[in-house]
Amino acid sequence: MLHKVHSLLVEKTPDVLSKPLQMVPFSLKQKIIEQLLQAQFERSLADGDLDFLDNRWLKIEVRDLQLVWFISNVNNKLIVSRSEIADVCFSGNTNDLVLIATRRQDPDTLFFQRKLIVEGDTELGLCVKNLMDSIDLESMPKFVRLGLENLANFIEAGKKSH
């Protein structure tokens, strides 16, 4: 019985969270995302590893949460926007994106299963994928890393009990 509840929580929680998240002003989401990106990629920006995003827009879409934002590197700073013309778009559902972020799922596998959709500039998409693959989980802010790891554990356990 608890396994079934766990599985339902994993499956339905993003749908439940999508409505309250729509009520959060974009400016607040933007500020949080930009601060997390700056903290995570400070060294990569300094080393020029994100120059491929100079004045180009990466669209991130979390489909089941109905969240969309655009990221670019402008003057060596990652900025987030509500609406731009995307050069490349990565979209997926919350659970899959969390598993990718924590290296529990391979993005290529999810791409071929059509759970991760990549559209637009293929070369830019590969640069983004290579950047994702190069992220050292230990370099993430501790509260983000631990939160993602705990969430990934919860998701994996819920999927197994399904």
C-alpha atoms as a PDB file:
ATOM      1  CA  MET A   1       0.000   0.000   0.000  1.00  0.00           C
ATOM      2  CA  LEU A   2       2.765   2.481   0.919  1.00  0.00           C
ATOM      3  CA  HIS A   3       4.599   1.612  -2.293  1.00  0.00           C
ATOM      4  CA  LYS A   4       1.504   2.535  -4.283  1.00  0.00           C
ATOM      5  CA  VAL A   5       1.183   5.869  -2.431  1.00  0.00           C
ATOM      6  CA  HIS A   6       4.879   6.563  -3.011  1.00  0.00           C
ATOM      7  CA  SER A   7       4.510   5.817  -6.704  1.00  0.00           C
ATOM      8  CA  LEU A   8       1.466   8.096  -6.965  1.00  0.00           C
ATOM      9  CA  LEU A   9       3.330  10.896  -5.179  1.00  0.00           C
ATOM     10  CA  VAL A  10       6.211  10.639  -7.639  1.00  0.00           C
ATOM     11  CA  GLU A  11       3.822  10.623 -10.561  1.00  0.00           C
ATOM     12  CA  LYS A  12       1.347  13.325  -9.454  1.00  0.00           C
ATOM     13  CA  THR A  13       3.345  15.826  -7.376  1.00  0.00           C
ATOM     14  CA  PRO A  14       4.554  17.874 -10.379  1.00  0.00           C
ATOM     15  CA  ASP A  15       0.940  18.313 -11.546  1.00  0.00           C
ATOM     16  CA  VAL A  16      -0.090  19.474  -8.082  1.00  0.00           C
ATOM     17  CA  LEU A  17       2.876  21.882  -7.826  1.00  0.00           C
ATOM     18  CA  SER A  18       2.361  23.408 -11.270  1.00  0.00           C
ATOM     19  CA  LYS A  19      -0.586  25.590 -10.193  1.00  0.00           C
ATOM     20  CA  PRO A  20       1.071  27.235  -7.165  1.00  0.00           C
ATOM     21  CA  LEU A  21       4.283  27.741  -9.177  1.00  0.00           C
ATOM     22  CA  GLN A  22       2.295  29.669 -11.785  1.00  0.00           C
ATOM     23  CA  MET A  23       1.345  32.137  -9.059  1.00  0.00           C
ATOM     24  CA  VAL A  24       4.962  32.919  -8.174  1.00  0.00           C
ATOM     25  CA  PRO A  25       6.011  36.098  -9.973  1.00  0.00           C
ATOM     26  CA  PHE A  26       8.495  35.494 -12.764  1.00  0.00           C
ATOM     27  CA  SER A  27      10.814  38.143 -11.305  1.00  0.00           C
ATOM     28  CA  LEU A  28      11.249  36.020  -8.163  1.00  0.00           C
ATOM     29  CA  LYS A  29      11.834  32.817 -10.147  1.00  0.00           C
ATOM     30  CA  GLN A  30      14.277  34.744 -12.357  1.00  0.00           C
ATOM     31  CA  LYS A  31      16.271  36.029  -9.383  1.00  0.00           C
ATOM     32  CA  ILE A  32      16.508  32.563  -7.786  1.00  0.00           C
ATOM     33  CA  ILE A  33      17.505  30.840 -11.037  1.00  0.00           C
ATOM     34  CA  GLU A  34      20.110  33.498 -11.860  1.00  0.00           C
ATOM     35  CA  GLN A  35      21.665  33.254  -8.398  1.00  0.00           C
ATOM     36  CA  LEU A  36      21.833  29.454  -8.603  1.00  0.00           C
ATOM     37  CA  LEU A  37      23.332  29.596 -12.105  1.00  0.00           C
ATOM     38  CA  GLN A  38      25.942  32.177 -11.066  1.00  0.00           C
ATOM     39  CA  ALA A  39      26.923  30.100  -8.032  1.00  0.00           C
ATOM     40  CA  GLN A  40      27.156  26.897 -10.065  1.00  0.00           C
ATOM     41  CA  PHE A  41      28.915  28.287 -13.135  1.00  0.00           C
ATOM     42  CA  GLU A  42      31.089  31.082 -11.714  1.00  0.00           C
ATOM     43  CA  ARG A  43      34.317  29.287 -12.568  1.00  0.00           C
ATOM     44  CA  SER A  44      33.055  28.068 -15.957  1.00  0.00           C
ATOM     45  CA  LEU A  45      32.141  31.642 -16.866  1.00  0.00           C
ATOM     46  CA  ALA A  46      35.582  32.877 -15.806  1.00  0.00           C
ATOM     47  CA  ASP A  47      37.261  30.111 -17.839  1.00  0.00           C
ATOM     48  CA  GLY A  48      35.181  30.933 -20.932  1.00  0.00           C
ATOM     49  CA  ASP A  49      33.478  27.530 -20.912  1.00  0.00           C
ATOM     50  CA  LEU A  50      30.092  29.176 -21.498  1.00  0.00           C
ATOM     51  CA  ASP A  51      31.124  31.429 -24.362  1.00  0.00           C
ATOM     52  CA  PHE A  52      29.039  29.220 -26.675  1.00  0.00           C
ATOM     53  CA  LEU A  53      25.973  30.869 -25.067  1.00  0.00           C
ATOM     54  CA  ASP A  54      27.150  34.419 -25.802  1.00  0.00           C
ATOM     55  CA  ASN A  55      24.061  36.254 -27.022  1.00  0.00           C
ATOM     56  CA  ARG A  56      22.335  32.945 -27.808  1.00  0.00           C
ATOM     57  CA  TRP A  57      19.284  31.672 -26.008  1.00  0.00           C
ATOM     58  CA  LEU A  58      18.782  28.279 -24.400  1.00  0.00           C
ATOM     59  CA  LYS A  59      15.136  27.554 -23.644  1.00  0.00           C
ATOM     60  CA  ILE A  60      14.451  25.256 -20.697  1.00  0.00           C
ATOM     61  CA  GLU A  61      10.955  23.864 -20.421  1.00  0.00           C
ATOM     62  CA  VAL A  62       9.745  21.736 -17.524  1.00  0.00           C
ATOM     63  CA  ARG A  63       6.572  20.491 -19.175  1.00  0.00           C
ATOM     64  CA  ASP A  64       4.674  19.019 -16.238  1.00  0.00           C
ATOM     65  CA  LEU A  65       5.333  22.097 -14.071  1.00  0.00           C
ATOM     66  CA  GLN A  66       4.463  24.433 -16.950  1.00  0.00           C
ATOM     67  CA  LEU A  67       7.727  26.316 -16.371  1.00  0.00           C
ATOM     68  CA  VAL A  68       9.672  27.947 -19.172  1.00  0.00           C
ATOM     69  CA  TRP A  69      12.697  30.189 -19.041  1.00  0.00           C
ATOM     70  CA  PHE A  70      15.478  31.278 -21.363  1.00  0.00           C
ATOM     71  CA  ILE A  71      19.168  31.468 -20.444  1.00  0.00           C
ATOM     72  CA  SER A  72      21.951  33.386 -22.168  1.00  0.00           C
ATOM     73  CA  ASN A  73      25.489  34.540 -21.422  1.00  0.00           C
ATOM     74  CA  VAL A  74      25.591  38.323 -21.665  1.00  0.00           C
ATOM     75  CA  ASN A  75      28.785  40.119 -20.679  1.00  0.00           C
ATOM     76  CA  ASN A  76      30.022  36.979 -18.946  1.00  0.00           C
ATOM     77  CA  LYS A  77      26.934  36.723 -16.777  1.00  0.00           C
ATOM     78  CA  LEU A  78      24.153  34.157 -17.086  1.00  0.00           C
ATOM     79  CA  ILE A  79      20.835  35.895 -17.414  1.00  0.00           C
ATOM     80  CA  VAL A  80      17.328  34.492 -17.351  1.00  0.00           C
ATOM     81  CA  SER A  81      14.458  35.832 -19.398  1.00  0.00           C
ATOM     82  CA  ARG A  82      10.778  35.044 -19.658  1.00  0.00           C
ATOM     83  CA  SER A  83      10.493  35.134 -23.423  1.00  0.00           C
ATOM     84  CA  GLU A  84      13.095  35.137 -26.183  1.00  0.00           C
ATOM     85  CA  ILE A  85      13.621  33.468 -29.524  1.00  0.00           C
ATOM     86  CA  ALA A  86      15.345  30.212 -28.606  1.00  0.00           C
ATOM     87  CA  ASP A  87      18.405  28.970 -30.449  1.00  0.00           C
ATOM     88  CA  VAL A  88      17.967  25.589 -28.784  1.00  0.00           C
ATOM     89  CA  CYS A  89      15.295  24.146 -26.500  1.00  0.00           C
ATOM     90  CA  PHE A  90      15.588  21.389 -23.905  1.00  0.00           C
ATOM     91  CA  SER A  91      12.288  20.133 -22.525  1.00  0.00           C
ATOM     92  CA  GLY A  92      11.325  17.321 -20.213  1.00  0.00           C
ATOM     93  CA  ASN A  93       9.310  16.451 -17.165  1.00  0.00           C
ATOM     94  CA  THR A  94      10.424  17.183 -13.630  1.00  0.00           C
ATOM     95  CA  ASN A  95      11.321  13.650 -12.588  1.00  0.00           C
ATOM     96  CA  ASP A  96      13.419  12.994 -15.690  1.00  0.00           C
ATOM     97  CA  LEU A  97      15.234  16.329 -15.413  1.00  0.00           C
ATOM     98  CA  VAL A  98      16.052  15.695 -11.741  1.00  0.00           C
ATOM     99  CA  LEU A  99      17.433  12.259 -12.635  1.00  0.00           C
ATOM    100  CA  ILE A 100      19.558  13.809 -15.402  1.00  0.00           C
ATOM    101  CA  ALA A 101      20.848  16.522 -13.049  1.00  0.00           C
ATOM    102  CA  THR A 102      21.937  13.909 -10.508  1.00  0.00           C
ATOM    103  CA  ARG A 103      23.451  11.575 -13.126  1.00  0.00           C
ATOM    104  CA  ARG A 104      20.905   8.856 -12.346  1.00  0.00           C
ATOM    105  CA  GLN A 105      19.676   8.917 -15.949  1.00  0.00           C
ATOM    106  CA  ASP A 106      21.629   9.369 -19.139  1.00  0.00           C
ATOM    107  CA  PRO A 107      20.295  12.275 -21.243  1.00  0.00           C
ATOM    108  CA  ASP A 108      20.947  10.324 -24.457  1.00  0.00           C
ATOM    109  CA  THR A 109      18.758   7.451 -23.245  1.00  0.00           C
ATOM    110  CA  LEU A 110      15.918   9.825 -22.359  1.00  0.00           C
ATOM    111  CA  PHE A 111      16.379  11.602 -25.700  1.00  0.00           C
ATOM    112  CA  PHE A 112      15.934   8.347 -27.607  1.00  0.00           C
ATOM    113  CA  GLN A 113      12.941   7.452 -25.418  1.00  0.00           C
ATOM    114  CA  ARG A 114      11.488  10.892 -26.334  1.00  0.00           C
ATOM    115  CA  LYS A 115      11.369  11.916 -22.685  1.00  0.00           C
ATOM    116  CA  LEU A 116      13.977  14.621 -23.239  1.00  0.00           C
ATOM    117  CA  ILE A 117      13.282  16.749 -26.277  1.00  0.00           C
ATOM    118  CA  VAL A 118      16.060  18.824 -27.850  1.00  0.00           C
ATOM    119  CA  GLU A 119      15.072  21.149 -30.666  1.00  0.00           C
ATOM    120  CA  GLY A 120      16.917  23.825 -32.589  1.00  0.00           C
ATOM    121  CA  ASP A 121      20.620  24.381 -33.210  1.00  0.00           C
ATOM    122  CA  THR A 122      22.201  20.922 -33.002  1.00  0.00           C
ATOM    123  CA  GLU A 123      25.724  22.213 -32.353  1.00  0.00           C
ATOM    124  CA  LEU A 124      24.535  24.464 -29.528  1.00  0.00           C
ATOM    125  CA  GLY A 125      22.496  21.575 -28.113  1.00  0.00           C
ATOM    126  CA  LEU A 126      25.622  19.398 -28.028  1.00  0.00           C
ATOM    127  CA  CYS A 127      27.545  22.158 -26.243  1.00  0.00           C
ATOM    128  CA  VAL A 128      24.791  22.351 -23.617  1.00  0.00           C
ATOM    129  CA  LYS A 129      24.712  18.549 -23.246  1.00  0.00           C
ATOM    130  CA  ASN A 130      28.508  18.427 -22.870  1.00  0.00           C
ATOM    131  CA  LEU A 131      28.297  21.144 -20.224  1.00  0.00           C
ATOM    132  CA  MET A 132      25.653  19.131 -18.349  1.00  0.00           C
ATOM    133  CA  ASP A 133      27.876  16.050 -18.543  1.00  0.00           C
ATOM    134  CA  SER A 134      30.847  17.992 -17.163  1.00  0.00           C
ATOM    135  CA  ILE A 135      29.107  19.351 -14.066  1.00  0.00           C
ATOM    136  CA  ASP A 136      30.678  18.014 -10.912  1.00  0.00           C
ATOM    137  CA  LEU A 137      27.885  17.335  -8.432  1.00  0.00           C
ATOM    138  CA  GLU A 138      30.275  18.112  -5.574  1.00  0.00           C
ATOM    139  CA  SER A 139      30.719  21.639  -6.945  1.00  0.00           C
ATOM    140  CA  MET A 140      27.022  22.412  -6.561  1.00  0.00           C
ATOM    141  CA  PRO A 141      25.952  24.488  -3.567  1.00  0.00           C
ATOM    142  CA  LYS A 142      25.492  21.921  -0.817  1.00  0.00           C
ATOM    143  CA  PHE A 143      21.794  22.615  -0.198  1.00  0.00           C
ATOM    144  CA  VAL A 144      21.060  22.252  -3.936  1.00  0.00           C
ATOM    145  CA  ARG A 145      23.083  19.051  -4.294  1.00  0.00           C
ATOM    146  CA  LEU A 146      21.578  17.409  -1.216  1.00  0.00           C
ATOM    147  CA  GLY A 147      18.075  18.494  -2.196  1.00  0.00           C
ATOM    148  CA  LEU A 148      18.483  17.080  -5.702  1.00  0.00           C
ATOM    149  CA  GLU A 149      20.027  13.847  -4.431  1.00  0.00           C
ATOM    150  CA  ASN A 150      17.224  13.294  -1.901  1.00  0.00           C
ATOM    151  CA  LEU A 151      14.619  14.074  -4.533  1.00  0.00           C
ATOM    152  CA  ALA A 152      16.299  11.686  -6.997  1.00  0.00           C
ATOM    153  CA  ASN A 153      16.296   8.931  -4.347  1.00  0.00           C
ATOM    154  CA  PHE A 154      12.589   9.525  -3.748  1.00  0.00           C
ATOM    155  CA  ILE A 155      11.836   9.489  -7.497  1.00  0.00           C
ATOM    156  CA  GLU A 156      13.832   6.325  -8.136  1.00  0.00           C
ATOM    157  CA  ALA A 157      12.200   4.491  -5.244  1.00  0.00           C
ATOM    158  CA  GLY A 158       8.749   5.593  -6.426  1.00  0.00           C
ATOM    159  CA  LYS A 159       9.424   4.443  -9.981  1.00  0.00           C
ATOM    160  CA  LYS A 160      10.637   1.051  -8.750  1.00  0.00           C
ATOM    161  CA  SER A 161       7.507   0.512  -6.700  1.00  0.00           C
ATOM    162  CA  HIS A 162       5.326   1.370  -9.709  1.00  0.00           C
END
